[in-house]
Amino acid sequence: MKNIVGKITLRDVVELKLQYLKRLTQNTKDELYEYNCGKLDSYKKIYIDISEMDERDFLTKYCKKAIKFSKKMDNENPKYSQRIEFQAGENNAIIEFLSIINPEFEYFENVDELARNNNF
């Protein structure tokens, strides 16, 4: 039986992302390993939350995380580390997913404006 594209859910999208990221991190420890592990970690959390949270709570939680990371990078100007790569992966997964829900989240330039406009 063929899958009808119109019946694909956000849960399906996250499951596909998880499968892909698990394959990427399974046997390789290349320069993107920590970054991909961060993305995998975020998508695992997103997978749980999309089943348990209402839309407003979900958006609030993940926008706050993205805003916090963005401010951290702006304020600290950190040097490269595995932890920063992991966090960048986490953050990019969040932005990737939020932009599926609302494209406005993909390229927000002013985190304070985003927070104000969305009451975060």
PDB file of N, CA and C in Angstrom:
ATOM      1  N   MET A   1       0.841  -1.181   0.000  1.00  0.00           N
ATOM      2  CA  MET A   1       0.000   0.000   0.000  1.00  0.00           C
ATOM      3  C   MET A   1       0.889   1.248   0.000  1.00  0.00           C
ATOM      4  N   LYS A   2       0.564   2.169  -0.847  1.00  0.00           N
ATOM      5  CA  LYS A   2       1.341   3.401  -0.951  1.00  0.00           C
ATOM      6  C   LYS A   2       0.894   4.395   0.109  1.00  0.00           C
ATOM      7  N   ASN A   3       1.868   5.190   0.593  1.00  0.00           N
ATOM      8  CA  ASN A   3       1.540   6.264   1.524  1.00  0.00           C
ATOM      9  C   ASN A   3       1.038   7.472   0.747  1.00  0.00           C
ATOM     10  N   ILE A   4      -0.021   8.047   1.213  1.00  0.00           N
ATOM     11  CA  ILE A   4      -0.559   9.264   0.625  1.00  0.00           C
ATOM     12  C   ILE A   4       0.165  10.435   1.280  1.00  0.00           C
ATOM     13  N   VAL A   5       0.797  11.274   0.474  1.00  0.00           N
ATOM     14  CA  VAL A   5       1.598  12.377   1.004  1.00  0.00           C
ATOM     15  C   VAL A   5       0.773  13.247   1.950  1.00  0.00           C
ATOM     16  N   GLY A   6      -0.456  13.494   1.629  1.00  0.00           N
ATOM     17  CA  GLY A   6      -1.304  14.342   2.453  1.00  0.00           C
ATOM     18  C   GLY A   6      -1.593  13.775   3.837  1.00  0.00           C
ATOM     19  N   LYS A   7      -1.269  12.516   4.036  1.00  0.00           N
ATOM     20  CA  LYS A   7      -1.513  11.894   5.337  1.00  0.00           C
ATOM     21  C   LYS A   7      -0.255  11.830   6.205  1.00  0.00           C
ATOM     22  N   ILE A   8       0.829  12.379   5.727  1.00  0.00           N
ATOM     23  CA  ILE A   8       2.057  12.405   6.513  1.00  0.00           C
ATOM     24  C   ILE A   8       1.873  13.404   7.651  1.00  0.00           C
ATOM     25  N   THR A   9       2.227  12.986   8.854  1.00  0.00           N
ATOM     26  CA  THR A   9       2.066  13.843  10.033  1.00  0.00           C
ATOM     27  C   THR A   9       3.425  14.383  10.482  1.00  0.00           C
ATOM     28  N   LEU A  10       3.383  15.334  11.402  1.00  0.00           N
ATOM     29  CA  LEU A  10       4.630  15.837  11.986  1.00  0.00           C
ATOM     30  C   LEU A  10       5.374  14.704  12.683  1.00  0.00           C
ATOM     31  N   ARG A  11       4.643  13.799  13.301  1.00  0.00           N
ATOM     32  CA  ARG A  11       5.246  12.635  13.946  1.00  0.00           C
ATOM     33  C   ARG A  11       6.023  11.801  12.919  1.00  0.00           C
ATOM     34  N   ASP A  12       5.442  11.609  11.737  1.00  0.00           N
ATOM     35  CA  ASP A  12       6.125  10.866  10.672  1.00  0.00           C
ATOM     36  C   ASP A  12       7.425  11.559  10.269  1.00  0.00           C
ATOM     37  N   VAL A  13       7.377  12.872  10.148  1.00  0.00           N
ATOM     38  CA  VAL A  13       8.556  13.654   9.775  1.00  0.00           C
ATOM     39  C   VAL A  13       9.656  13.472  10.821  1.00  0.00           C
ATOM     40  N   VAL A  14       9.284  13.542  12.087  1.00  0.00           N
ATOM     41  CA  VAL A  14      10.270  13.384  13.159  1.00  0.00           C
ATOM     42  C   VAL A  14      10.828  11.963  13.161  1.00  0.00           C
ATOM     43  N   GLU A  15       9.985  10.979  12.934  1.00  0.00           N
ATOM     44  CA  GLU A  15      10.471   9.590  12.875  1.00  0.00           C
ATOM     45  C   GLU A  15      11.508   9.418  11.763  1.00  0.00           C
ATOM     46  N   LEU A  16      11.256  10.016  10.611  1.00  0.00           N
ATOM     47  CA  LEU A  16      12.218   9.938   9.507  1.00  0.00           C
ATOM     48  C   LEU A  16      13.524  10.640   9.866  1.00  0.00           C
ATOM     49  N   LYS A  17      13.437  11.792  10.513  1.00  0.00           N
ATOM     50  CA  LYS A  17      14.641  12.511  10.961  1.00  0.00           C
ATOM     51  C   LYS A  17      15.426  11.650  11.942  1.00  0.00           C
ATOM     52  N   LEU A  18      14.723  11.030  12.883  1.00  0.00           N
ATOM     53  CA  LEU A  18      15.389  10.178  13.873  1.00  0.00           C
ATOM     54  C   LEU A  18      16.103   8.999  13.211  1.00  0.00           C
ATOM     55  N   GLN A  19      15.443   8.349  12.278  1.00  0.00           N
ATOM     56  CA  GLN A  19      16.069   7.224  11.572  1.00  0.00           C
ATOM     57  C   GLN A  19      17.332   7.673  10.852  1.00  0.00           C
ATOM     58  N   TYR A  20      17.245   8.787  10.169  1.00  0.00           N
ATOM     59  CA  TYR A  20      18.387   9.321   9.430  1.00  0.00           C
ATOM     60  C   TYR A  20      19.542   9.672  10.368  1.00  0.00           C
ATOM     61  N   LEU A  21      19.248  10.385  11.444  1.00  0.00           N
ATOM     62  CA  LEU A  21      20.301  10.808  12.370  1.00  0.00           C
ATOM     63  C   LEU A  21      20.902   9.632  13.122  1.00  0.00           C
ATOM     64  N   LYS A  22      20.119   8.620  13.420  1.00  0.00           N
ATOM     65  CA  LYS A  22      20.666   7.410  14.058  1.00  0.00           C
ATOM     66  C   LYS A  22      21.667   6.729  13.134  1.00  0.00           C
ATOM     67  N   ARG A  23      21.336   6.652  11.848  1.00  0.00           N
ATOM     68  CA  ARG A  23      22.276   6.067  10.882  1.00  0.00           C
ATOM     69  C   ARG A  23      23.560   6.889  10.793  1.00  0.00           C
ATOM     70  N   LEU A  24      23.415   8.211  10.787  1.00  0.00           N
ATOM     71  CA  LEU A  24      24.584   9.091  10.692  1.00  0.00           C
ATOM     72  C   LEU A  24      25.530   8.952  11.878  1.00  0.00           C
ATOM     73  N   THR A  25      24.972   8.746  13.058  1.00  0.00           N
ATOM     74  CA  THR A  25      25.797   8.732  14.269  1.00  0.00           C
ATOM     75  C   THR A  25      26.188   7.324  14.701  1.00  0.00           C
ATOM     76  N   GLN A  26      25.677   6.337  14.031  1.00  0.00           N
ATOM     77  CA  GLN A  26      25.882   4.957  14.456  1.00  0.00           C
ATOM     78  C   GLN A  26      27.340   4.503  14.363  1.00  0.00           C
ATOM     79  N   ASN A  27      27.958   4.675  13.235  1.00  0.00           N
ATOM     80  CA  ASN A  27      29.282   4.090  13.026  1.00  0.00           C
ATOM     81  C   ASN A  27      30.371   5.092  12.673  1.00  0.00           C
ATOM     82  N   THR A  28      30.034   6.360  12.627  1.00  0.00           N
ATOM     83  CA  THR A  28      31.047   7.337  12.226  1.00  0.00           C
ATOM     84  C   THR A  28      31.271   8.374  13.306  1.00  0.00           C
ATOM     85  N   LYS A  29      32.489   8.766  13.427  1.00  0.00           N
ATOM     86  CA  LYS A  29      32.848   9.846  14.363  1.00  0.00           C
ATOM     87  C   LYS A  29      33.603  10.905  13.572  1.00  0.00           C
ATOM     88  N   ASP A  30      32.948  11.447  12.565  1.00  0.00           N
ATOM     89  CA  ASP A  30      33.577  12.478  11.743  1.00  0.00           C
ATOM     90  C   ASP A  30      33.428  13.842  12.399  1.00  0.00           C
ATOM     91  N   GLU A  31      33.773  14.886  11.653  1.00  0.00           N
ATOM     92  CA  GLU A  31      33.743  16.241  12.213  1.00  0.00           C
ATOM     93  C   GLU A  31      32.332  16.713  12.550  1.00  0.00           C
ATOM     94  N   LEU A  32      31.323  16.057  12.025  1.00  0.00           N
ATOM     95  CA  LEU A  32      29.944  16.437  12.312  1.00  0.00           C
ATOM     96  C   LEU A  32      29.280  15.539  13.354  1.00  0.00           C
ATOM     97  N   TYR A  33      30.034  14.652  13.947  1.00  0.00           N
ATOM     98  CA  TYR A  33      29.464  13.686  14.885  1.00  0.00           C
ATOM     99  C   TYR A  33      28.735  14.370  16.053  1.00  0.00           C
ATOM    100  N   GLU A  34      29.397  15.271  16.753  1.00  0.00           N
ATOM    101  CA  GLU A  34      28.782  15.944  17.908  1.00  0.00           C
ATOM    102  C   GLU A  34      27.563  16.760  17.487  1.00  0.00           C
ATOM    103  N   TYR A  35      27.684  17.441  16.365  1.00  0.00           N
ATOM    104  CA  TYR A  35      26.578  18.234  15.826  1.00  0.00           C
ATOM    105  C   TYR A  35      25.372  17.332  15.564  1.00  0.00           C
ATOM    106  N   ASN A  36      25.598  16.206  14.882  1.00  0.00           N
ATOM    107  CA  ASN A  36      24.505  15.283  14.572  1.00  0.00           C
ATOM    108  C   ASN A  36      23.937  14.625  15.828  1.00  0.00           C
ATOM    109  N   CYS A  37      24.778  14.363  16.822  1.00  0.00           N
ATOM    110  CA  CYS A  37      24.287  13.831  18.106  1.00  0.00           C
ATOM    111  C   CYS A  37      23.374  14.847  18.786  1.00  0.00           C
ATOM    112  N   GLY A  38      23.714  16.115  18.695  1.00  0.00           N
ATOM    113  CA  GLY A  38      22.863  17.165  19.250  1.00  0.00           C
ATOM    114  C   GLY A  38      21.517  17.217  18.556  1.00  0.00           C
ATOM    115  N   LYS A  39      21.534  17.094  17.233  1.00  0.00           N
ATOM    116  CA  LYS A  39      20.274  17.079  16.482  1.00  0.00           C
ATOM    117  C   LYS A  39      19.437  15.863  16.867  1.00  0.00           C
ATOM    118  N   LEU A  40      20.091  14.713  16.983  1.00  0.00           N
ATOM    119  CA  LEU A  40      19.398  13.493  17.361  1.00  0.00           C
ATOM    120  C   LEU A  40      18.749  13.640  18.733  1.00  0.00           C
ATOM    121  N   ASP A  41      19.479  14.196  19.671  1.00  0.00           N
ATOM    122  CA  ASP A  41      18.957  14.409  21.015  1.00  0.00           C
ATOM    123  C   ASP A  41      17.721  15.310  20.989  1.00  0.00           C
ATOM    124  N   SER A  42      17.794  16.386  20.226  1.00  0.00           N
ATOM    125  CA  SER A  42      16.649  17.309  20.124  1.00  0.00           C
ATOM    126  C   SER A  42      15.437  16.630  19.503  1.00  0.00           C
ATOM    127  N   TYR A  43      15.652  15.899  18.433  1.00  0.00           N
ATOM    128  CA  TYR A  43      14.514  15.249  17.775  1.00  0.00           C
ATOM    129  C   TYR A  43      13.891  14.163  18.654  1.00  0.00           C
ATOM    130  N   LYS A  44      14.679  13.516  19.501  1.00  0.00           N
ATOM    131  CA  LYS A  44      14.106  12.556  20.453  1.00  0.00           C
ATOM    132  C   LYS A  44      13.153  13.277  21.412  1.00  0.00           C
ATOM    133  N   LYS A  45      13.572  14.433  21.897  1.00  0.00           N
ATOM    134  CA  LYS A  45      12.733  15.208  22.816  1.00  0.00           C
ATOM    135  C   LYS A  45      11.493  15.750  22.098  1.00  0.00           C
ATOM    136  N   ILE A  46      11.693  16.232  20.886  1.00  0.00           N
ATOM    137  CA  ILE A  46      10.568  16.744  20.093  1.00  0.00           C
ATOM    138  C   ILE A  46       9.555  15.636  19.852  1.00  0.00           C
ATOM    139  N   TYR A  47      10.022  14.442  19.555  1.00  0.00           N
ATOM    140  CA  TYR A  47       9.144  13.301  19.281  1.00  0.00           C
ATOM    141  C   TYR A  47       8.200  13.043  20.460  1.00  0.00           C
ATOM    142  N   ILE A  48       8.755  13.101  21.655  1.00  0.00           N
ATOM    143  CA  ILE A  48       7.936  12.896  22.861  1.00  0.00           C
ATOM    144  C   ILE A  48       6.972  14.065  23.038  1.00  0.00           C
ATOM    145  N   ASP A  49       7.486  15.269  22.906  1.00  0.00           N
ATOM    146  CA  ASP A  49       6.674  16.462  23.188  1.00  0.00           C
ATOM    147  C   ASP A  49       5.535  16.679  22.203  1.00  0.00           C
ATOM    148  N   ILE A  50       5.702  16.291  20.942  1.00  0.00           N
ATOM    149  CA  ILE A  50       4.602  16.509  19.990  1.00  0.00           C
ATOM    150  C   ILE A  50       3.403  15.613  20.302  1.00  0.00           C
ATOM    151  N   SER A  51       3.638  14.577  21.098  1.00  0.00           N
ATOM    152  CA  SER A  51       2.533  13.702  21.494  1.00  0.00           C
ATOM    153  C   SER A  51       1.855  14.156  22.773  1.00  0.00           C
ATOM    154  N   GLU A  52       2.579  14.941  23.570  1.00  0.00           N
ATOM    155  CA  GLU A  52       2.086  15.242  24.907  1.00  0.00           C
ATOM    156  C   GLU A  52       1.708  16.705  25.136  1.00  0.00           C
ATOM    157  N   MET A  53       2.188  17.607  24.308  1.00  0.00           N
ATOM    158  CA  MET A  53       1.996  19.038  24.575  1.00  0.00           C
ATOM    159  C   MET A  53       1.029  19.655  23.577  1.00  0.00           C
ATOM    160  N   ASP A  54       0.341  20.698  24.030  1.00  0.00           N
ATOM    161  CA  ASP A  54      -0.466  21.432  23.063  1.00  0.00           C
ATOM    162  C   ASP A  54       0.456  22.378  22.279  1.00  0.00           C
ATOM    163  N   GLU A  55      -0.057  22.895  21.190  1.00  0.00           N
ATOM    164  CA  GLU A  55       0.770  23.679  20.266  1.00  0.00           C
ATOM    165  C   GLU A  55       1.432  24.883  20.943  1.00  0.00           C
ATOM    166  N   ARG A  56       0.674  25.615  21.711  1.00  0.00           N
ATOM    167  CA  ARG A  56       1.218  26.827  22.352  1.00  0.00           C
ATOM    168  C   ARG A  56       2.356  26.490  23.320  1.00  0.00           C
ATOM    169  N   ASP A  57       2.149  25.478  24.154  1.00  0.00           N
ATOM    170  CA  ASP A  57       3.192  25.079  25.101  1.00  0.00           C
ATOM    171  C   ASP A  57       4.439  24.570  24.371  1.00  0.00           C
ATOM    172  N   PHE A  58       4.208  23.825  23.300  1.00  0.00           N
ATOM    173  CA  PHE A  58       5.330  23.307  22.508  1.00  0.00           C
ATOM    174  C   PHE A  58       6.143  24.448  21.912  1.00  0.00           C
ATOM    175  N   LEU A  59       5.454  25.373  21.252  1.00  0.00           N
ATOM    176  CA  LEU A  59       6.149  26.506  20.634  1.00  0.00           C
ATOM    177  C   LEU A  59       6.873  27.347  21.673  1.00  0.00           C
ATOM    178  N   THR A  60       6.243  27.566  22.804  1.00  0.00           N
ATOM    179  CA  THR A  60       6.873  28.346  23.866  1.00  0.00           C
ATOM    180  C   THR A  60       8.146  27.667  24.350  1.00  0.00           C
ATOM    181  N   LYS A  61       8.066  26.383  24.635  1.00  0.00           N
ATOM    182  CA  LYS A  61       9.223  25.640  25.137  1.00  0.00           C
ATOM    183  C   LYS A  61      10.390  25.699  24.163  1.00  0.00           C
ATOM    184  N   TYR A  62      10.128  25.400  22.904  1.00  0.00           N
ATOM    185  CA  TYR A  62      11.230  25.299  21.944  1.00  0.00           C
ATOM    186  C   TYR A  62      11.720  26.659  21.453  1.00  0.00           C
ATOM    187  N   CYS A  63      10.851  27.630  21.384  1.00  0.00           N
ATOM    188  CA  CYS A  63      11.322  28.983  21.041  1.00  0.00           C
ATOM    189  C   CYS A  63      12.213  29.526  22.149  1.00  0.00           C
ATOM    190  N   LYS A  64      11.836  29.273  23.384  1.00  0.00           N
ATOM    191  CA  LYS A  64      12.667  29.721  24.500  1.00  0.00           C
ATOM    192  C   LYS A  64      14.053  29.081  24.436  1.00  0.00           C
ATOM    193  N   LYS A  65      14.103  27.794  24.101  1.00  0.00           N
ATOM    194  CA  LYS A  65      15.398  27.116  23.974  1.00  0.00           C
ATOM    195  C   LYS A  65      16.239  27.747  22.868  1.00  0.00           C
ATOM    196  N   ALA A  66      15.620  28.025  21.726  1.00  0.00           N
ATOM    197  CA  ALA A  66      16.347  28.619  20.605  1.00  0.00           C
ATOM    198  C   ALA A  66      16.828  30.026  20.954  1.00  0.00           C
ATOM    199  N   ILE A  67      15.980  30.784  21.606  1.00  0.00           N
ATOM    200  CA  ILE A  67      16.346  32.147  22.020  1.00  0.00           C
ATOM    201  C   ILE A  67      17.501  32.108  23.008  1.00  0.00           C
ATOM    202  N   LYS A  68      17.433  31.210  23.968  1.00  0.00           N
ATOM    203  CA  LYS A  68      18.489  31.085  24.977  1.00  0.00           C
ATOM    204  C   LYS A  68      19.833  30.749  24.317  1.00  0.00           C
ATOM    205  N   PHE A  69      19.816  29.811  23.380  1.00  0.00           N
ATOM    206  CA  PHE A  69      21.059  29.436  22.702  1.00  0.00           C
ATOM    207  C   PHE A  69      21.600  30.597  21.872  1.00  0.00           C
ATOM    208  N   SER A  70      20.707  31.283  21.167  1.00  0.00           N
ATOM    209  CA  SER A  70      21.129  32.407  20.335  1.00  0.00           C
ATOM    210  C   SER A  70      21.777  33.502  21.178  1.00  0.00           C
ATOM    211  N   LYS A  71      21.161  33.808  22.309  1.00  0.00           N
ATOM    212  CA  LYS A  71      21.726  34.829  23.198  1.00  0.00           C
ATOM    213  C   LYS A  71      23.066  34.374  23.766  1.00  0.00           C
ATOM    214  N   LYS A  72      23.164  33.103  24.082  1.00  0.00           N
ATOM    215  CA  LYS A  72      24.424  32.563  24.609  1.00  0.00           C
ATOM    216  C   LYS A  72      25.545  32.740  23.585  1.00  0.00           C
ATOM    217  N   MET A  73      25.257  32.439  22.337  1.00  0.00           N
ATOM    218  CA  MET A  73      26.279  32.563  21.296  1.00  0.00           C
ATOM    219  C   MET A  73      26.651  34.028  21.072  1.00  0.00           C
ATOM    220  N   ASP A  74      25.666  34.911  21.141  1.00  0.00           N
ATOM    221  CA  ASP A  74      25.928  36.342  20.958  1.00  0.00           C
ATOM    222  C   ASP A  74      26.757  36.918  22.101  1.00  0.00           C
ATOM    223  N   ASN A  75      26.474  36.489  23.313  1.00  0.00           N
ATOM    224  CA  ASN A  75      27.115  37.066  24.490  1.00  0.00           C
ATOM    225  C   ASN A  75      28.460  36.452  24.843  1.00  0.00           C
ATOM    226  N   GLU A  76      28.605  35.167  24.626  1.00  0.00           N
ATOM    227  CA  GLU A  76      29.805  34.493  25.088  1.00  0.00           C
ATOM    228  C   GLU A  76      30.904  34.397  24.040  1.00  0.00           C
ATOM    229  N   ASN A  77      30.519  34.406  22.760  1.00  0.00           N
ATOM    230  CA  ASN A  77      31.485  34.220  21.687  1.00  0.00           C
ATOM    231  C   ASN A  77      32.420  33.041  21.999  1.00  0.00           C
ATOM    232  N   PRO A  78      31.846  31.851  22.186  1.00  0.00           N
ATOM    233  CA  PRO A  78      32.642  30.715  22.647  1.00  0.00           C
ATOM    234  C   PRO A  78      33.599  30.181  21.586  1.00  0.00           C
ATOM    235  N   LYS A  79      34.659  29.562  22.062  1.00  0.00           N
ATOM    236  CA  LYS A  79      35.591  28.885  21.168  1.00  0.00           C
ATOM    237  C   LYS A  79      34.987  27.537  20.809  1.00  0.00           C
ATOM    238  N   TYR A  80      35.484  26.976  19.723  1.00  0.00           N
ATOM    239  CA  TYR A  80      34.997  25.664  19.293  1.00  0.00           C
ATOM    240  C   TYR A  80      35.203  24.637  20.398  1.00  0.00           C
ATOM    241  N   SER A  81      34.195  23.828  20.616  1.00  0.00           N
ATOM    242  CA  SER A  81      34.313  22.685  21.513  1.00  0.00           C
ATOM    243  C   SER A  81      33.269  21.661  21.091  1.00  0.00           C
ATOM    244  N   GLN A  82      33.452  20.450  21.566  1.00  0.00           N
ATOM    245  CA  GLN A  82      32.468  19.413  21.254  1.00  0.00           C
ATOM    246  C   GLN A  82      31.104  19.786  21.835  1.00  0.00           C
ATOM    247  N   ARG A  83      31.101  20.390  23.011  1.00  0.00           N
ATOM    248  CA  ARG A  83      29.838  20.770  23.650  1.00  0.00           C
ATOM    249  C   ARG A  83      29.105  21.830  22.821  1.00  0.00           C
ATOM    250  N   ILE A  84      29.845  22.788  22.296  1.00  0.00           N
ATOM    251  CA  ILE A  84      29.230  23.833  21.454  1.00  0.00           C
ATOM    252  C   ILE A  84      28.665  23.198  20.188  1.00  0.00           C
ATOM    253  N   GLU A  85      29.386  22.263  19.586  1.00  0.00           N
ATOM    254  CA  GLU A  85      28.884  21.585  18.387  1.00  0.00           C
ATOM    255  C   GLU A  85      27.592  20.834  18.689  1.00  0.00           C
ATOM    256  N   PHE A  86      27.566  20.141  19.838  1.00  0.00           N
ATOM    257  CA  PHE A  86      26.373  19.413  20.253  1.00  0.00           C
ATOM    258  C   PHE A  86      25.204  20.373  20.424  1.00  0.00           C
ATOM    259  N   GLN A  87      25.442  21.479  21.118  1.00  0.00           N
ATOM    260  CA  GLN A  87      24.381  22.468  21.343  1.00  0.00           C
ATOM    261  C   GLN A  87      23.925  23.113  20.040  1.00  0.00           C
ATOM    262  N   ALA A  88      24.842  23.343  19.127  1.00  0.00           N
ATOM    263  CA  ALA A  88      24.470  23.907  17.822  1.00  0.00           C
ATOM    264  C   ALA A  88      23.564  22.931  17.074  1.00  0.00           C
ATOM    265  N   GLY A  89      23.880  21.648  17.155  1.00  0.00           N
ATOM    266  CA  GLY A  89      23.023  20.640  16.540  1.00  0.00           C
ATOM    267  C   GLY A  89      21.639  20.617  17.157  1.00  0.00           C
ATOM    268  N   GLU A  90      21.603  20.680  18.495  1.00  0.00           N
ATOM    269  CA  GLU A  90      20.308  20.733  19.198  1.00  0.00           C
ATOM    270  C   GLU A  90      19.488  21.926  18.715  1.00  0.00           C
ATOM    271  N   ASN A  91      20.128  23.081  18.701  1.00  0.00           N
ATOM    272  CA  ASN A  91      19.436  24.313  18.320  1.00  0.00           C
ATOM    273  C   ASN A  91      18.973  24.269  16.868  1.00  0.00           C
ATOM    274  N   ASN A  92      19.808  23.805  15.986  1.00  0.00           N
ATOM    275  CA  ASN A  92      19.429  23.768  14.571  1.00  0.00           C
ATOM    276  C   ASN A  92      18.285  22.798  14.316  1.00  0.00           C
ATOM    277  N   ALA A  93      18.231  21.699  15.065  1.00  0.00           N
ATOM    278  CA  ALA A  93      17.102  20.784  14.934  1.00  0.00           C
ATOM    279  C   ALA A  93      15.810  21.472  15.370  1.00  0.00           C
ATOM    280  N   ILE A  94      15.904  22.233  16.449  1.00  0.00           N
ATOM    281  CA  ILE A  94      14.728  22.967  16.938  1.00  0.00           C
ATOM    282  C   ILE A  94      14.254  23.964  15.882  1.00  0.00           C
ATOM    283  N   ILE A  95      15.176  24.747  15.341  1.00  0.00           N
ATOM    284  CA  ILE A  95      14.816  25.742  14.322  1.00  0.00           C
ATOM    285  C   ILE A  95      14.256  25.056  13.077  1.00  0.00           C
ATOM    286  N   GLU A  96      14.884  23.961  12.675  1.00  0.00           N
ATOM    287  CA  GLU A  96      14.407  23.189  11.523  1.00  0.00           C
ATOM    288  C   GLU A  96      12.944  22.790  11.724  1.00  0.00           C
ATOM    289  N   PHE A  97      12.656  22.236  12.884  1.00  0.00           N
ATOM    290  CA  PHE A  97      11.306  21.750  13.153  1.00  0.00           C
ATOM    291  C   PHE A  97      10.315  22.892  13.305  1.00  0.00           C
ATOM    292  N   LEU A  98      10.700  23.930  14.030  1.00  0.00           N
ATOM    293  CA  LEU A  98       9.804  25.077  14.193  1.00  0.00           C
ATOM    294  C   LEU A  98       9.466  25.716  12.847  1.00  0.00           C
ATOM    295  N   SER A  99      10.424  25.725  11.931  1.00  0.00           N
ATOM    296  CA  SER A  99      10.173  26.349  10.627  1.00  0.00           C
ATOM    297  C   SER A  99       9.207  25.526   9.774  1.00  0.00           C
ATOM    298  N   ILE A 100       9.038  24.246  10.096  1.00  0.00           N
ATOM    299  CA  ILE A 100       8.012  23.448   9.421  1.00  0.00           C
ATOM    300  C   ILE A 100       6.633  23.917   9.885  1.00  0.00           C
ATOM    301  N   ILE A 101       6.525  24.223  11.167  1.00  0.00           N
ATOM    302  CA  ILE A 101       5.264  24.681  11.737  1.00  0.00           C
ATOM    303  C   ILE A 101       4.955  26.105  11.285  1.00  0.00           C
ATOM    304  N   ASN A 102       5.989  26.960  11.308  1.00  0.00           N
ATOM    305  CA  ASN A 102       5.820  28.361  10.912  1.00  0.00           C
ATOM    306  C   ASN A 102       7.144  28.856  10.318  1.00  0.00           C
ATOM    307  N   PRO A 103       7.201  29.123   9.025  1.00  0.00           N
ATOM    308  CA  PRO A 103       8.448  29.542   8.379  1.00  0.00           C
ATOM    309  C   PRO A 103       9.084  30.791   8.981  1.00  0.00           C
ATOM    310  N   GLU A 104       8.301  31.583   9.706  1.00  0.00           N
ATOM    311  CA  GLU A 104       8.828  32.776  10.351  1.00  0.00           C
ATOM    312  C   GLU A 104       9.982  32.435  11.313  1.00  0.00           C
ATOM    313  N   PHE A 105       9.969  31.241  11.868  1.00  0.00           N
ATOM    314  CA  PHE A 105      10.971  30.860  12.849  1.00  0.00           C
ATOM    315  C   PHE A 105      12.332  30.524  12.231  1.00  0.00           C
ATOM    316  N   GLU A 106      12.375  30.302  10.938  1.00  0.00           N
ATOM    317  CA  GLU A 106      13.631  29.862  10.327  1.00  0.00           C
ATOM    318  C   GLU A 106      14.717  30.922  10.344  1.00  0.00           C
ATOM    319  N   TYR A 107      14.371  32.137  10.048  1.00  0.00           N
ATOM    320  CA  TYR A 107      15.397  33.177   9.912  1.00  0.00           C
ATOM    321  C   TYR A 107      15.161  34.356  10.841  1.00  0.00           C
ATOM    322  N   PHE A 108      14.742  34.093  12.060  1.00  0.00           N
ATOM    323  CA  PHE A 108      14.526  35.246  12.933  1.00  0.00           C
ATOM    324  C   PHE A 108      15.872  35.890  13.216  1.00  0.00           C
ATOM    325  N   GLU A 109      15.906  37.193  13.042  1.00  0.00           N
ATOM    326  CA  GLU A 109      17.148  37.942  13.217  1.00  0.00           C
ATOM    327  C   GLU A 109      17.247  38.553  14.603  1.00  0.00           C
ATOM    328  N   ASN A 110      16.131  38.919  15.138  1.00  0.00           N
ATOM    329  CA  ASN A 110      16.134  39.598  16.415  1.00  0.00           C
ATOM    330  C   ASN A 110      15.368  38.743  17.415  1.00  0.00           C
ATOM    331  N   VAL A 111      16.108  38.043  18.281  1.00  0.00           N
ATOM    332  CA  VAL A 111      15.453  37.127  19.213  1.00  0.00           C
ATOM    333  C   VAL A 111      14.544  37.870  20.178  1.00  0.00           C
ATOM    334  N   ASP A 112      14.903  39.082  20.538  1.00  0.00           N
ATOM    335  CA  ASP A 112      14.046  39.854  21.437  1.00  0.00           C
ATOM    336  C   ASP A 112      12.712  40.168  20.770  1.00  0.00           C
ATOM    337  N   GLU A 113      12.766  40.495  19.488  1.00  0.00           N
ATOM    338  CA  GLU A 113      11.531  40.772  18.746  1.00  0.00           C
ATOM    339  C   GLU A 113      10.681  39.505  18.629  1.00  0.00           C
ATOM    340  N   LEU A 114      11.316  38.387  18.353  1.00  0.00           N
ATOM    341  CA  LEU A 114      10.594  37.123  18.266  1.00  0.00           C
ATOM    342  C   LEU A 114       9.908  36.809  19.595  1.00  0.00           C
ATOM    343  N   ALA A 115      10.627  36.984  20.678  1.00  0.00           N
ATOM    344  CA  ALA A 115      10.064  36.714  22.000  1.00  0.00           C
ATOM    345  C   ALA A 115       8.883  37.647  22.291  1.00  0.00           C
ATOM    346  N   ARG A 116       9.058  38.916  21.967  1.00  0.00           N
ATOM    347  CA  ARG A 116       7.999  39.900  22.209  1.00  0.00           C
ATOM    348  C   ARG A 116       6.753  39.604  21.364  1.00  0.00           C
ATOM    349  N   ASN A 117       6.971  39.295  20.095  1.00  0.00           N
ATOM    350  CA  ASN A 117       5.854  39.045  19.184  1.00  0.00           C
ATOM    351  C   ASN A 117       5.076  37.782  19.540  1.00  0.00           C
ATOM    352  N   ASN A 118       5.736  36.852  20.205  1.00  0.00           N
ATOM    353  CA  ASN A 118       5.097  35.588  20.528  1.00  0.00           C
ATOM    354  C   ASN A 118       4.869  35.378  22.020  1.00  0.00           C
ATOM    355  N   ASN A 119       5.096  36.437  22.794  1.00  0.00           N
ATOM    356  CA  ASN A 119       4.889  36.395  24.248  1.00  0.00           C
ATOM    357  C   ASN A 119       5.710  35.318  24.939  1.00  0.00           C
ATOM    358  N   PHE A 120       6.979  35.192  24.571  1.00  0.00           N
ATOM    359  CA  PHE A 120       7.861  34.213  25.223  1.00  0.00           C
ATOM    360  C   PHE A 120       8.705  34.902  26.269  1.00  0.00           C
TER     361      PHE A 120
END
